[in-house]
């Protein structure tokens, strides 16, 4: 028998986001290597990347919480989100 566990559902979006960040950073690293080999070097404007990365993660977390809340109430939202 599997014991029942009290697991907070709100932590699921953060787990999914954190697990996908590794592949995202690997992809961005390869993109950076391609840019450097083509002669495009970092400038001061590249600092904006840190801000946009943080905003992207906050948006993904809040959108994931919103979708998980809505999908509990409305079963049809799962169909719309999977399109």
N, C-alpha and C. Protein backbone atom coordinates (compact mmCIF):
# COMPACT_ATOMS: atom_id res chain seq x y z
N UNK A 1 0.83 -1.19 0.00
CA UNK A 1 0.00 0.00 0.00
C UNK A 1 0.88 1.25 0.00
N UNK A 2 0.40 2.20 -0.74
CA UNK A 2 1.10 3.48 -0.80
C UNK A 2 0.48 4.41 0.23
N UNK A 3 1.28 4.92 1.16
CA UNK A 3 0.70 5.83 2.15
C UNK A 3 0.33 7.17 1.52
N UNK A 4 -0.73 7.74 2.03
CA UNK A 4 -1.15 9.05 1.53
C UNK A 4 -0.22 10.11 2.12
N UNK A 5 0.16 11.04 1.23
CA UNK A 5 1.05 12.10 1.66
C UNK A 5 0.35 13.44 1.47
N UNK A 6 0.63 14.35 2.35
CA UNK A 6 0.11 15.70 2.23
C UNK A 6 1.13 16.51 1.42
N UNK A 7 0.86 16.69 0.14
CA UNK A 7 1.81 17.34 -0.76
C UNK A 7 1.22 18.65 -1.25
N UNK A 8 1.95 19.75 -1.10
CA UNK A 8 1.40 21.03 -1.58
C UNK A 8 1.40 21.10 -3.11
N UNK A 9 0.26 21.25 -3.68
CA UNK A 9 0.12 21.31 -5.14
C UNK A 9 0.80 22.55 -5.71
N UNK A 10 0.89 23.61 -4.92
CA UNK A 10 1.47 24.85 -5.42
C UNK A 10 2.96 24.74 -5.72
N UNK A 11 3.63 23.70 -5.24
CA UNK A 11 5.05 23.55 -5.54
C UNK A 11 5.31 22.87 -6.88
N UNK A 12 4.29 22.31 -7.50
CA UNK A 12 4.49 21.61 -8.77
C UNK A 12 4.97 22.52 -9.90
N UNK A 13 4.42 23.73 -10.09
CA UNK A 13 4.95 24.57 -11.17
C UNK A 13 6.42 24.93 -10.97
N UNK A 14 6.83 25.15 -9.74
CA UNK A 14 8.24 25.50 -9.51
C UNK A 14 9.16 24.32 -9.79
N UNK A 15 8.70 23.10 -9.53
CA UNK A 15 9.51 21.91 -9.82
C UNK A 15 9.67 21.74 -11.32
N UNK A 16 8.61 21.95 -12.07
CA UNK A 16 8.68 21.82 -13.52
C UNK A 16 9.57 22.90 -14.12
N UNK A 17 9.45 24.12 -13.64
CA UNK A 17 10.28 25.22 -14.14
C UNK A 17 11.74 24.96 -13.83
N UNK A 18 12.04 24.53 -12.61
CA UNK A 18 13.43 24.27 -12.23
C UNK A 18 14.03 23.12 -13.02
N UNK A 19 13.24 22.10 -13.31
CA UNK A 19 13.78 20.97 -14.07
C UNK A 19 14.03 21.35 -15.53
N UNK A 20 13.28 22.30 -16.07
CA UNK A 20 13.49 22.71 -17.45
C UNK A 20 14.55 23.79 -17.59
N UNK A 21 14.97 24.40 -16.50
CA UNK A 21 15.99 25.44 -16.59
C UNK A 21 17.34 24.89 -17.03
N UNK A 22 17.64 23.64 -16.71
CA UNK A 22 18.92 23.06 -17.12
C UNK A 22 19.03 23.00 -18.64
N UNK A 23 17.99 22.50 -19.30
CA UNK A 23 18.02 22.44 -20.76
C UNK A 23 18.01 23.85 -21.36
N UNK A 24 17.34 24.79 -20.71
CA UNK A 24 17.33 26.17 -21.20
C UNK A 24 18.74 26.77 -21.14
N UNK A 25 19.45 26.56 -20.03
CA UNK A 25 20.79 27.11 -19.91
C UNK A 25 21.77 26.43 -20.87
N UNK A 26 21.58 25.16 -21.15
CA UNK A 26 22.42 24.47 -22.13
C UNK A 26 22.18 25.05 -23.53
N UNK A 27 20.94 25.30 -23.86
CA UNK A 27 20.61 25.88 -25.16
C UNK A 27 21.17 27.30 -25.27
N UNK A 28 21.04 28.09 -24.21
CA UNK A 28 21.58 29.45 -24.25
C UNK A 28 23.10 29.45 -24.31
N UNK A 29 23.73 28.45 -23.67
CA UNK A 29 25.18 28.34 -23.76
C UNK A 29 25.64 28.04 -25.16
N UNK A 30 24.95 27.14 -25.85
CA UNK A 30 25.32 26.85 -27.23
C UNK A 30 25.03 28.05 -28.13
N UNK A 31 23.96 28.78 -27.85
CA UNK A 31 23.67 30.01 -28.61
C UNK A 31 24.76 31.05 -28.40
N UNK A 32 25.26 31.17 -27.18
CA UNK A 32 26.32 32.11 -26.88
C UNK A 32 27.61 31.72 -27.61
N UNK A 33 27.89 30.44 -27.69
CA UNK A 33 29.08 29.98 -28.42
C UNK A 33 28.96 30.31 -29.90
N UNK A 34 27.77 30.13 -30.47
CA UNK A 34 27.55 30.47 -31.88
C UNK A 34 27.74 31.97 -32.10
N UNK A 35 27.23 32.78 -31.18
CA UNK A 35 27.40 34.22 -31.30
C UNK A 35 28.87 34.62 -31.23
N UNK A 36 29.60 34.02 -30.30
CA UNK A 36 31.02 34.36 -30.16
C UNK A 36 31.84 33.94 -31.37
N UNK A 37 31.51 32.80 -31.96
CA UNK A 37 32.25 32.36 -33.14
C UNK A 37 31.94 33.21 -34.36
N UNK A 38 30.77 33.86 -34.38
CA UNK A 38 30.42 34.75 -35.49
C UNK A 38 30.85 36.19 -35.27
N UNK A 39 31.57 36.44 -34.18
CA UNK A 39 32.11 37.77 -33.94
C UNK A 39 31.18 38.72 -33.22
N UNK A 40 30.14 38.22 -32.60
CA UNK A 40 29.23 39.06 -31.81
C UNK A 40 29.60 38.88 -30.35
N UNK A 41 30.16 39.92 -29.75
CA UNK A 41 30.67 39.82 -28.39
C UNK A 41 29.73 40.51 -27.41
N UNK A 42 29.79 40.11 -26.13
CA UNK A 42 28.90 40.71 -25.12
C UNK A 42 29.13 42.21 -24.97
N UNK A 43 28.06 42.92 -24.73
CA UNK A 43 28.13 44.35 -24.47
C UNK A 43 27.42 44.64 -23.14
N UNK A 44 27.37 45.90 -22.82
CA UNK A 44 26.73 46.31 -21.56
C UNK A 44 25.23 46.04 -21.59
N UNK A 45 24.63 46.03 -22.77
CA UNK A 45 23.18 45.77 -22.87
C UNK A 45 22.81 44.34 -22.53
N UNK A 46 23.75 43.44 -22.52
CA UNK A 46 23.46 42.04 -22.21
C UNK A 46 23.11 41.83 -20.75
N UNK A 47 23.31 42.83 -19.91
CA UNK A 47 22.94 42.73 -18.50
C UNK A 47 21.41 42.64 -18.37
N UNK A 48 20.69 43.16 -19.37
CA UNK A 48 19.23 43.09 -19.36
C UNK A 48 18.75 41.64 -19.35
N UNK A 49 19.56 40.74 -19.83
CA UNK A 49 19.19 39.32 -19.87
C UNK A 49 18.84 38.79 -18.49
N UNK A 50 19.55 39.22 -17.47
CA UNK A 50 19.30 38.76 -16.10
C UNK A 50 17.90 39.20 -15.65
N UNK A 51 17.56 40.45 -15.96
CA UNK A 51 16.23 40.96 -15.60
C UNK A 51 15.14 40.21 -16.33
N UNK A 52 15.31 40.01 -17.64
CA UNK A 52 14.29 39.33 -18.43
C UNK A 52 14.18 37.86 -18.04
N UNK A 53 15.27 37.23 -17.65
CA UNK A 53 15.22 35.85 -17.20
C UNK A 53 14.41 35.73 -15.91
N UNK A 54 14.63 36.67 -14.98
CA UNK A 54 13.87 36.66 -13.73
C UNK A 54 12.39 36.93 -13.99
N UNK A 55 12.08 37.87 -14.87
CA UNK A 55 10.68 38.16 -15.20
C UNK A 55 10.01 36.98 -15.88
N UNK A 56 10.75 36.28 -16.75
CA UNK A 56 10.20 35.12 -17.43
C UNK A 56 9.87 34.01 -16.42
N UNK A 57 10.76 33.78 -15.46
CA UNK A 57 10.50 32.75 -14.46
C UNK A 57 9.32 33.10 -13.56
N UNK A 58 9.21 34.35 -13.18
CA UNK A 58 8.07 34.79 -12.36
C UNK A 58 6.77 34.63 -13.13
N UNK A 59 6.78 34.99 -14.41
CA UNK A 59 5.58 34.85 -15.22
C UNK A 59 5.20 33.38 -15.39
N UNK A 60 6.19 32.53 -15.67
CA UNK A 60 5.88 31.10 -15.85
C UNK A 60 5.33 30.49 -14.57
N UNK A 61 5.88 30.87 -13.42
CA UNK A 61 5.39 30.35 -12.15
C UNK A 61 3.95 30.80 -11.90
N UNK A 62 3.68 32.09 -12.09
CA UNK A 62 2.33 32.58 -11.83
C UNK A 62 1.34 32.02 -12.83
N UNK A 63 1.72 31.87 -14.09
CA UNK A 63 0.83 31.28 -15.09
C UNK A 63 0.57 29.81 -14.80
N UNK A 64 1.59 29.10 -14.31
CA UNK A 64 1.40 27.71 -13.92
C UNK A 64 0.46 27.56 -12.74
N UNK A 65 0.58 28.44 -11.75
CA UNK A 65 -0.35 28.42 -10.62
C UNK A 65 -1.76 28.74 -11.06
N UNK A 66 -1.89 29.71 -11.94
CA UNK A 66 -3.21 30.07 -12.45
C UNK A 66 -3.85 28.91 -13.21
N UNK A 67 -3.07 28.28 -14.08
CA UNK A 67 -3.61 27.16 -14.86
C UNK A 67 -3.96 25.97 -13.98
N UNK A 68 -3.14 25.70 -12.97
CA UNK A 68 -3.45 24.56 -12.10
C UNK A 68 -4.70 24.83 -11.27
N UNK A 69 -4.91 26.07 -10.88
CA UNK A 69 -6.11 26.41 -10.13
C UNK A 69 -7.34 26.32 -11.01
N UNK A 70 -7.24 26.85 -12.20
CA UNK A 70 -8.38 26.83 -13.11
C UNK A 70 -8.71 25.41 -13.55
N UNK A 71 -7.68 24.59 -13.78
CA UNK A 71 -7.94 23.24 -14.27
C UNK A 71 -8.63 22.37 -13.23
N UNK A 72 -8.48 22.70 -11.96
CA UNK A 72 -9.22 21.98 -10.93
C UNK A 72 -10.70 22.32 -11.02
N UNK A 73 -11.00 23.58 -11.25
CA UNK A 73 -12.39 24.02 -11.29
C UNK A 73 -13.07 23.69 -12.61
N UNK A 74 -12.36 23.84 -13.68
CA UNK A 74 -12.96 23.63 -14.99
C UNK A 74 -12.16 22.58 -15.75
N UNK A 75 -12.77 21.47 -16.01
CA UNK A 75 -12.09 20.37 -16.71
C UNK A 75 -11.85 20.71 -18.17
N UNK A 76 -12.61 21.62 -18.72
CA UNK A 76 -12.44 21.96 -20.13
C UNK A 76 -11.18 22.77 -20.39
N UNK A 77 -10.65 23.39 -19.35
CA UNK A 77 -9.42 24.17 -19.55
C UNK A 77 -8.24 23.27 -19.89
N UNK A 78 -8.24 22.05 -19.39
CA UNK A 78 -7.16 21.13 -19.75
C UNK A 78 -7.15 20.87 -21.25
N UNK A 79 -8.33 20.79 -21.84
CA UNK A 79 -8.40 20.57 -23.27
C UNK A 79 -7.84 21.77 -24.02
N UNK A 80 -8.16 22.98 -23.57
CA UNK A 80 -7.68 24.19 -24.24
C UNK A 80 -6.18 24.37 -24.06
N UNK A 81 -5.65 24.02 -22.92
CA UNK A 81 -4.22 24.19 -22.66
C UNK A 81 -3.37 23.17 -23.41
N UNK A 82 -3.95 22.03 -23.74
CA UNK A 82 -3.19 20.99 -24.42
C UNK A 82 -3.19 21.13 -25.92
N UNK A 83 -3.84 22.15 -26.46
CA UNK A 83 -3.87 22.34 -27.91
C UNK A 83 -2.55 22.79 -28.43
